[in-house]
N, C-alpha and C. Protein backbone atom coordinates (compact mmCIF):
# COMPACT_ATOMS: atom_id res chain seq x y z
N MET A 1 0.20 161.11 -3.79
CA MET A 1 0.35 162.14 -4.63
C MET A 1 1.81 162.63 -3.85
N ALA A 2 2.84 162.89 -4.76
CA ALA A 2 4.09 163.38 -4.48
C ALA A 2 3.84 164.92 -3.85
N LYS A 3 4.69 165.24 -2.77
CA LYS A 3 4.67 166.51 -2.11
C LYS A 3 5.83 167.41 -2.98
N LYS A 4 5.37 168.62 -3.39
CA LYS A 4 6.34 169.53 -4.16
C LYS A 4 7.03 170.22 -3.11
N ASN A 5 8.38 170.09 -2.84
CA ASN A 5 9.22 170.69 -1.93
C ASN A 5 9.86 171.80 -2.80
N LYS A 6 9.82 172.97 -2.40
CA LYS A 6 10.45 174.15 -3.17
C LYS A 6 11.97 173.99 -2.45
N GLY A 7 12.79 173.60 -3.06
CA GLY A 7 13.93 173.19 -2.42
C GLY A 7 15.10 174.43 -2.59
N SER A 8 16.43 174.25 -2.29
CA SER A 8 17.14 175.42 -2.57
C SER A 8 18.00 175.50 -3.82
N ARG A 9 17.85 174.31 -4.88
CA ARG A 9 18.22 174.46 -6.10
C ARG A 9 17.34 174.99 -6.92
N ILE A 10 17.64 176.16 -7.79
CA ILE A 10 16.87 176.73 -9.04
C ILE A 10 17.62 176.57 -10.30
N ILE A 11 16.86 176.73 -11.34
CA ILE A 11 17.24 176.77 -12.60
C ILE A 11 17.59 178.25 -13.12
N ILE A 12 18.90 178.56 -13.49
CA ILE A 12 19.20 179.94 -13.83
C ILE A 12 19.70 179.80 -15.33
N THR A 13 19.63 180.89 -16.05
CA THR A 13 20.18 180.94 -17.30
C THR A 13 21.34 181.96 -17.37
N LEU A 14 22.37 181.43 -18.07
CA LEU A 14 23.63 182.18 -18.35
C LEU A 14 23.74 183.10 -19.69
N GLU A 15 23.88 184.15 -19.69
CA GLU A 15 24.05 184.78 -21.03
C GLU A 15 25.20 185.74 -21.31
N CYS A 16 25.94 185.58 -22.43
CA CYS A 16 26.95 186.12 -22.76
C CYS A 16 27.17 187.68 -22.59
N THR A 17 28.06 188.22 -22.13
CA THR A 17 27.99 189.74 -21.85
C THR A 17 28.40 190.37 -22.96
N ASN A 18 29.37 189.98 -23.99
CA ASN A 18 29.70 190.42 -25.27
C ASN A 18 28.58 190.46 -26.17
N CYS A 19 27.85 189.39 -26.62
CA CYS A 19 26.98 189.37 -27.16
C CYS A 19 25.60 190.18 -26.95
N ARG A 20 25.60 190.39 -25.57
CA ARG A 20 24.24 191.21 -25.41
C ARG A 20 24.59 192.99 -25.42
N VAL A 21 25.74 193.25 -25.35
CA VAL A 21 26.01 194.51 -25.68
C VAL A 21 26.45 195.20 -26.99
N SER A 22 26.62 193.95 -27.71
CA SER A 22 26.73 194.48 -29.11
C SER A 22 25.82 195.19 -29.96
N ASN A 23 25.85 195.98 -30.70
CA ASN A 23 24.68 196.68 -31.57
C ASN A 23 24.76 196.47 -33.03
N GLU A 24 25.48 195.32 -33.42
CA GLU A 24 25.62 195.06 -34.69
C GLU A 24 24.17 194.68 -35.42
N LYS A 25 23.81 195.33 -36.34
CA LYS A 25 22.61 194.99 -37.06
C LYS A 25 22.41 193.32 -37.42
N ARG A 26 23.37 192.95 -38.16
CA ARG A 26 23.31 191.58 -38.44
C ARG A 26 24.11 190.40 -37.41
N ALA A 27 23.76 190.96 -36.11
CA ALA A 27 24.31 189.94 -35.22
C ALA A 27 23.69 188.51 -35.23
N PRO A 28 24.21 187.28 -34.97
CA PRO A 28 23.61 186.11 -35.11
C PRO A 28 22.75 185.75 -34.11
N GLY A 29 23.06 186.15 -32.85
CA GLY A 29 22.31 185.94 -31.62
C GLY A 29 23.19 186.15 -30.45
N VAL A 30 22.43 185.46 -29.22
CA VAL A 30 23.08 185.61 -27.95
C VAL A 30 23.27 184.16 -27.44
N SER A 31 24.69 184.01 -26.98
CA SER A 31 24.82 182.66 -26.21
C SER A 31 24.14 182.47 -25.00
N ARG A 32 23.43 181.61 -24.80
CA ARG A 32 22.75 181.25 -23.32
C ARG A 32 22.90 179.73 -22.90
N TYR A 33 23.28 179.64 -21.80
CA TYR A 33 23.39 178.33 -21.16
C TYR A 33 22.12 178.10 -19.89
N SER A 34 21.82 177.14 -19.87
CA SER A 34 21.00 176.67 -18.42
C SER A 34 21.52 175.73 -17.71
N THR A 35 21.40 176.23 -16.40
CA THR A 35 22.14 175.38 -15.20
C THR A 35 21.47 175.53 -14.09
N THR A 36 21.85 174.86 -12.93
CA THR A 36 21.14 175.17 -11.92
C THR A 36 22.31 175.72 -10.55
N LYS A 37 21.73 176.17 -9.66
CA LYS A 37 22.62 176.92 -8.57
C LYS A 37 21.81 176.49 -7.28
N ASN A 38 22.66 176.66 -6.12
CA ASN A 38 22.03 176.35 -4.85
C ASN A 38 21.96 177.69 -4.34
N ARG A 39 20.59 178.20 -4.25
CA ARG A 39 20.46 179.41 -3.70
C ARG A 39 20.92 180.01 -2.41
N LYS A 40 21.20 178.71 -1.52
CA LYS A 40 21.60 179.12 -0.08
C LYS A 40 23.24 179.25 -0.07
N ASN A 41 24.01 178.40 -1.02
CA ASN A 41 25.28 178.71 -0.90
C ASN A 41 25.70 179.82 -1.82
N THR A 42 24.96 180.16 -2.77
CA THR A 42 25.48 181.15 -3.65
C THR A 42 24.36 182.20 -3.96
N PRO A 43 24.25 183.25 -2.99
CA PRO A 43 22.95 184.08 -3.20
C PRO A 43 23.19 185.28 -4.24
N ALA A 44 24.41 185.40 -4.49
CA ALA A 44 24.95 186.44 -5.39
C ALA A 44 24.52 185.80 -6.86
N ARG A 45 24.49 186.77 -7.85
CA ARG A 45 24.47 186.50 -9.26
C ARG A 45 25.76 185.58 -9.72
N LEU A 46 25.51 184.47 -10.67
CA LEU A 46 26.68 183.78 -10.94
C LEU A 46 27.40 184.29 -12.03
N GLU A 47 28.44 184.17 -12.14
CA GLU A 47 29.35 184.46 -13.29
C GLU A 47 30.32 183.34 -13.62
N LEU A 48 30.20 182.87 -15.04
CA LEU A 48 31.26 181.70 -15.35
C LEU A 48 32.05 182.12 -16.76
N LYS A 49 33.20 181.28 -16.93
CA LYS A 49 33.62 181.69 -18.09
C LYS A 49 33.02 180.45 -19.17
N LYS A 50 32.35 180.75 -19.94
CA LYS A 50 31.86 179.68 -21.09
C LYS A 50 32.16 179.93 -22.34
N TYR A 51 31.95 179.05 -23.35
CA TYR A 51 32.43 179.22 -24.86
C TYR A 51 31.17 179.63 -25.30
N CYS A 52 31.40 180.93 -26.27
CA CYS A 52 30.29 181.51 -26.95
C CYS A 52 30.22 181.11 -28.39
N GLN A 53 29.45 180.54 -28.98
CA GLN A 53 29.47 180.20 -30.40
C GLN A 53 29.23 181.37 -31.45
N TYR A 54 28.91 182.29 -31.06
CA TYR A 54 28.82 183.44 -31.98
C TYR A 54 29.97 184.29 -32.06
N CYS A 55 30.63 184.52 -30.71
CA CYS A 55 31.79 185.47 -30.71
C CYS A 55 33.26 184.34 -31.00
N ASP A 56 32.90 183.08 -30.90
CA ASP A 56 34.08 181.84 -31.09
C ASP A 56 35.21 182.12 -30.08
N LYS A 57 34.74 182.48 -28.84
CA LYS A 57 35.73 182.74 -27.73
C LYS A 57 34.98 182.00 -26.51
N HIS A 58 35.95 181.94 -25.50
CA HIS A 58 35.38 181.84 -24.16
C HIS A 58 35.32 182.94 -23.55
N LEU A 59 34.25 183.52 -23.07
CA LEU A 59 33.89 184.71 -22.52
C LEU A 59 33.18 184.71 -21.12
N ILE A 60 32.91 185.52 -20.43
CA ILE A 60 32.17 185.90 -19.05
C ILE A 60 30.67 185.73 -19.37
N HIS A 61 30.07 184.86 -18.87
CA HIS A 61 28.43 184.50 -19.02
C HIS A 61 27.97 184.85 -17.55
N LYS A 62 26.79 185.93 -17.69
CA LYS A 62 26.30 186.22 -16.38
C LYS A 62 24.94 185.63 -16.24
N GLU A 63 24.49 185.47 -14.92
CA GLU A 63 23.13 185.11 -14.73
C GLU A 63 22.24 186.02 -15.18
N THR A 64 21.03 185.78 -15.65
CA THR A 64 20.01 186.79 -15.97
C THR A 64 18.81 186.50 -14.95
N LYS A 65 17.95 187.48 -15.14
CA LYS A 65 16.76 187.38 -14.19
C LYS A 65 15.81 186.23 -14.66
């Protein structure tokens, strides 16, 4: 049986900052991306500029818990 090694790579979720704070009643949703990061090289929360399909723009996506 293979040994499960808890490596330094973890799966994270990036969420659009603009969609998350909008209070529109008929908002279509929140843009989310799934990616991995190396916990040793990047201990802080990750922020990347990604495309949001709901805002139709490239916006900052922040790492969620």
